[in-house]
Protein backbone atom coordinates (compact mmCIF):
# COMPACT_ATOMS: atom_id res chain seq x y z
CA LYS A 1 -0.17 -0.09 0.01
CA GLU A 2 1.44 3.74 -0.61
CA MET A 3 1.15 6.18 1.60
CA SER A 4 2.33 9.55 1.92
CA TYR A 5 5.40 10.76 4.08
CA THR A 6 3.33 11.79 6.64
CA GLN A 7 0.79 8.93 6.90
CA PHE A 8 4.00 6.27 7.62
CA ARG A 9 5.72 8.18 10.02
CA TYR A 10 2.24 8.25 11.86
CA ASN A 11 1.37 4.86 11.09
CA ARG A 12 3.38 2.86 13.66
CA LEU A 13 1.77 -0.24 12.77
CA ALA A 14 3.25 0.36 8.73
CA GLN A 15 6.75 1.41 10.73
CA GLU A 16 7.14 -2.36 12.38
CA LYS A 17 5.56 -3.78 8.89
CA LEU A 18 8.54 -2.36 6.82
CA LEU A 19 11.41 -3.00 10.04
CA ASN A 20 10.53 -6.73 10.16
CA ALA A 21 10.55 -6.66 6.59
CA MET A 22 14.09 -5.20 6.29
CA PHE A 23 15.85 -6.84 9.22
CA ALA A 24 14.47 -9.91 7.75
CA GLU A 25 16.32 -9.50 4.43
CA MET A 26 19.57 -8.67 6.50
CA PHE A 27 18.82 -11.03 8.77
CA GLU A 28 18.90 -14.32 5.64
CA ARG A 29 21.92 -12.41 3.72
CA HIS A 30 23.68 -12.42 7.07
CA SER A 31 22.96 -16.40 7.51
CA ALA A 32 25.61 -18.88 6.82
CA PRO A 33 26.29 -22.42 7.20
CA GLY A 34 28.19 -22.51 11.22
CA ARG A 35 27.02 -19.15 11.64
CA SER A 36 25.63 -18.73 15.45
CA GLU A 37 21.84 -17.58 15.42
CA GLU A 38 23.53 -14.66 17.70
CA GLU A 39 26.38 -13.74 15.28
CA THR A 40 23.96 -13.35 12.23
CA VAL A 41 21.56 -11.37 14.77
CA ARG A 42 24.45 -9.50 15.69
CA ARG A 43 25.99 -9.01 12.06
CA ALA A 44 22.70 -8.23 10.83
CA ALA A 45 22.27 -5.27 13.89
CA ALA A 46 25.38 -3.95 12.63
CA GLU A 47 24.31 -3.56 8.99
CA TRP A 48 21.28 -1.74 10.11
CA TYR A 49 23.53 0.39 12.70
CA GLY A 50 26.52 1.72 10.58
CA GLY A 51 25.31 0.28 7.04
CA ALA A 52 26.66 -2.58 4.83
CA GLY A 53 30.14 -1.82 5.45
CA ALA A 54 30.26 -2.10 9.08
CA VAL A 55 29.03 -6.06 9.25
CA LYS A 56 32.51 -6.53 9.34
CA HIS A 57 32.91 -4.91 12.82
CA TRP A 58 29.57 -6.68 13.89
CA ASN A 59 31.39 -7.30 17.47
CA ASN A 60 34.50 -4.32 17.52
CA PRO A 61 34.18 -2.44 20.42
CA GLY A 62 36.50 0.52 18.92
CA TYR A 63 33.76 0.71 15.98
CA HIS A 64 31.80 3.87 16.43
CA ALA A 65 33.59 4.29 19.69
CA ASN A 66 34.43 7.86 19.42
CA VAL A 67 30.81 9.12 18.47
CA PRO A 68 29.33 11.18 21.58
CA ASN A 69 26.26 9.32 23.11
CA GLU A 70 25.95 6.33 21.29
CA PRO A 71 27.43 2.60 22.11
CA ASN A 72 30.56 1.08 19.99
CA MET A 73 29.08 -1.43 17.52
CA ALA A 74 29.63 -4.35 19.49
CA GLU A 75 27.62 -2.99 22.22
CA TYR A 76 25.10 -1.99 20.33
CA THR A 77 25.10 -5.31 18.22
CA SER A 78 24.65 -7.07 22.13
CA SER A 79 21.68 -5.04 22.86
CA ILE A 80 19.83 -6.10 19.93
CA TRP A 81 20.76 -9.72 20.25
CA ARG A 82 19.72 -9.33 24.21
CA LYS A 83 16.25 -7.98 22.88
CA TYR A 84 16.12 -10.55 20.12
CA SER A 85 16.94 -13.37 21.95
CA ARG A 86 14.63 -12.73 24.85
């Protein structure tokens, strides 16, 4: 269904559907034989947080460490894994 920016902005259900679809695509892209579910989720979270090039830093506490008031990559992806695994 097409929506204007304003319609989308105020439609939480549409936002959640889009987010879930995008994360499912990222999850699938980062799934690999022998890779744990945790690593897959954290790699997808790294892409979400920092773009495709950030995936290789999914567990790097030094990546994004100097940005004020934001978690580094390892903290962020760990927090997503904790929420996902509940």
